[in-house]
Amino acid sequence: MSVILFRLRGVPDDEIDEIRELLRINKIDFYETSAGNWGISMPAIWLRDNSRLEQAKQLLELYQDERATRMKGEYARLKERGENRTLLDIFKEDPLRMLLYVAAVAAILYFSVMPFLDFGGV
């Protein structure tokens, strides 16, 4: 019977590729489900044989510990060299998108707060 191993929503592509490779190297039979055309289904990696679930979970835990250490080291190196991405960098890359986000937040705040501020002026 199939069993879910790892949910893929919000997971970077490089991490998914590394997990696939880890499972292939260890000869663990798996398949993937996608988010579907509308993105409402659950993307995940499933094991075809649930008897290998514990082994796969152990491998995945070791991999995630190693990846976390590697990513923290990479971030520290980028920060040390001043190459880490900041909010200002994101604004410089696409200023129009950032302005649209700020405008959307301002509009949401306006429509959320105005009924309470306007309550006394009926």
Protein backbone atom coordinates (compact mmCIF):
# COMPACT_ATOMS: atom_id res chain seq x y z
CA MET A 1 0.00 0.00 0.00
CA SER A 2 1.29 3.47 -0.86
CA VAL A 3 2.24 5.88 1.89
CA ILE A 4 3.19 9.55 1.79
CA LEU A 5 6.82 10.33 2.56
CA PHE A 6 7.30 14.02 1.84
CA ARG A 7 5.00 16.90 0.92
CA LEU A 8 6.44 19.08 -1.85
CA ARG A 9 4.45 22.31 -1.48
CA GLY A 10 6.90 25.19 -1.03
CA VAL A 11 9.99 23.00 -1.43
CA PRO A 12 12.74 24.33 -3.76
CA ASP A 13 13.33 22.38 -6.98
CA ASP A 14 16.95 21.61 -6.12
CA GLU A 15 15.89 20.00 -2.85
CA ILE A 16 13.26 17.89 -4.63
CA ASP A 17 15.89 16.74 -7.15
CA GLU A 18 18.27 15.78 -4.34
CA ILE A 19 15.53 13.81 -2.54
CA ARG A 20 14.66 11.95 -5.75
CA GLU A 21 18.32 11.09 -6.23
CA LEU A 22 18.65 9.93 -2.61
CA LEU A 23 15.70 7.57 -3.01
CA ARG A 24 16.99 6.24 -6.35
CA ILE A 25 20.48 5.58 -4.94
CA ASN A 26 18.96 3.61 -2.08
CA LYS A 27 16.64 1.74 -4.46
CA ILE A 28 13.47 2.92 -2.75
CA ASP A 29 10.53 2.73 -5.15
CA PHE A 30 8.53 5.99 -5.16
CA TYR A 31 6.27 8.15 -7.27
CA GLU A 32 5.18 11.79 -7.20
CA THR A 33 1.88 13.58 -7.31
CA SER A 34 1.71 17.12 -8.65
CA ALA A 35 -0.31 20.11 -7.49
CA GLY A 36 -2.49 19.70 -10.57
CA ASN A 37 -3.53 22.30 -13.11
CA TRP A 38 -5.07 24.62 -10.54
CA GLY A 39 -2.51 24.03 -7.80
CA ILE A 40 -5.06 22.72 -5.31
CA SER A 41 -3.96 19.09 -5.08
CA MET A 42 -1.20 17.97 -2.74
CA PRO A 43 2.19 17.60 -4.42
CA ALA A 44 4.10 14.87 -2.64
CA ILE A 45 6.53 11.97 -2.87
CA TRP A 46 4.88 8.65 -2.08
CA LEU A 47 6.44 5.27 -1.39
CA ARG A 48 4.91 2.34 -3.22
CA ASP A 49 5.88 -0.07 -0.44
CA ASN A 50 5.19 1.10 3.11
CA SER A 51 7.59 -1.49 4.54
CA ARG A 52 10.46 0.82 3.48
CA LEU A 53 8.93 3.88 5.18
CA GLU A 54 11.18 3.84 8.27
CA GLN A 55 14.33 3.49 6.17
CA ALA A 56 13.20 6.33 3.88
CA LYS A 57 12.35 8.57 6.85
CA GLN A 58 15.79 7.97 8.38
CA LEU A 59 17.50 8.78 5.08
CA LEU A 60 15.36 11.89 4.68
CA GLU A 61 16.13 13.07 8.21
CA LEU A 62 19.88 12.66 7.66
CA TYR A 63 19.63 14.44 4.32
CA GLN A 64 17.67 17.36 5.79
CA ASP A 65 20.15 17.77 8.65
CA GLU A 66 23.02 17.84 6.13
CA ARG A 67 21.16 20.26 3.86
CA ALA A 68 20.33 22.62 6.73
CA THR A 69 24.00 22.71 7.74
CA ARG A 70 25.04 23.30 4.12
CA MET A 71 22.48 26.10 3.55
CA LYS A 72 23.40 27.85 6.82
CA GLY A 73 27.06 27.73 5.80
CA GLU A 74 26.25 29.09 2.35
CA TYR A 75 24.17 31.91 3.85
CA ALA A 76 26.98 32.77 6.29
CA ARG A 77 29.51 32.92 3.43
CA LEU A 78 27.21 35.15 1.36
CA LYS A 79 26.57 37.41 4.33
CA GLU A 80 30.29 37.61 5.10
CA ARG A 81 31.01 38.72 1.53
CA GLY A 82 28.03 41.07 1.51
CA GLU A 83 26.29 39.14 -1.27
CA ASN A 84 23.21 37.98 0.64
CA ARG A 85 19.88 39.14 -0.77
CA THR A 86 18.21 41.98 1.13
CA LEU A 87 14.84 43.69 0.81
CA LEU A 88 16.57 46.55 -0.99
CA ASP A 89 18.02 44.09 -3.53
CA ILE A 90 14.56 42.67 -4.17
CA PHE A 91 13.21 46.21 -4.65
CA LYS A 92 16.02 47.01 -7.12
CA GLU A 93 15.38 43.82 -9.11
CA ASP A 94 11.70 44.56 -9.69
CA PRO A 95 10.58 47.94 -8.33
CA LEU A 96 7.16 47.85 -10.00
CA ARG A 97 6.25 44.55 -8.37
CA MET A 98 7.34 45.84 -4.95
CA LEU A 99 5.29 49.01 -5.40
CA LEU A 100 2.26 46.92 -6.35
CA TYR A 101 2.74 44.80 -3.22
CA VAL A 102 2.99 47.90 -1.04
CA ALA A 103 -0.12 49.37 -2.71
CA ALA A 104 -2.03 46.11 -2.17
CA VAL A 105 -1.07 46.04 1.52
CA ALA A 106 -2.07 49.70 1.90
CA ALA A 107 -5.44 49.03 0.22
CA ILE A 108 -6.13 46.04 2.45
CA LEU A 109 -5.24 48.05 5.55
CA TYR A 110 -7.41 50.96 4.38
CA PHE A 111 -10.49 48.82 3.75
CA SER A 112 -9.93 46.91 7.00
CA VAL A 113 -9.59 49.97 9.24
CA MET A 114 -11.90 52.54 7.63
CA PRO A 115 -15.20 51.04 8.84
CA PHE A 116 -14.01 51.43 12.43
CA LEU A 117 -12.64 54.95 11.96
CA ASP A 118 -15.75 56.04 10.07
CA PHE A 119 -18.15 54.48 12.59
CA GLY A 120 -18.77 57.70 14.53
CA GLY A 121 -19.49 59.80 11.44
CA VAL A 122 -22.74 58.07 10.40
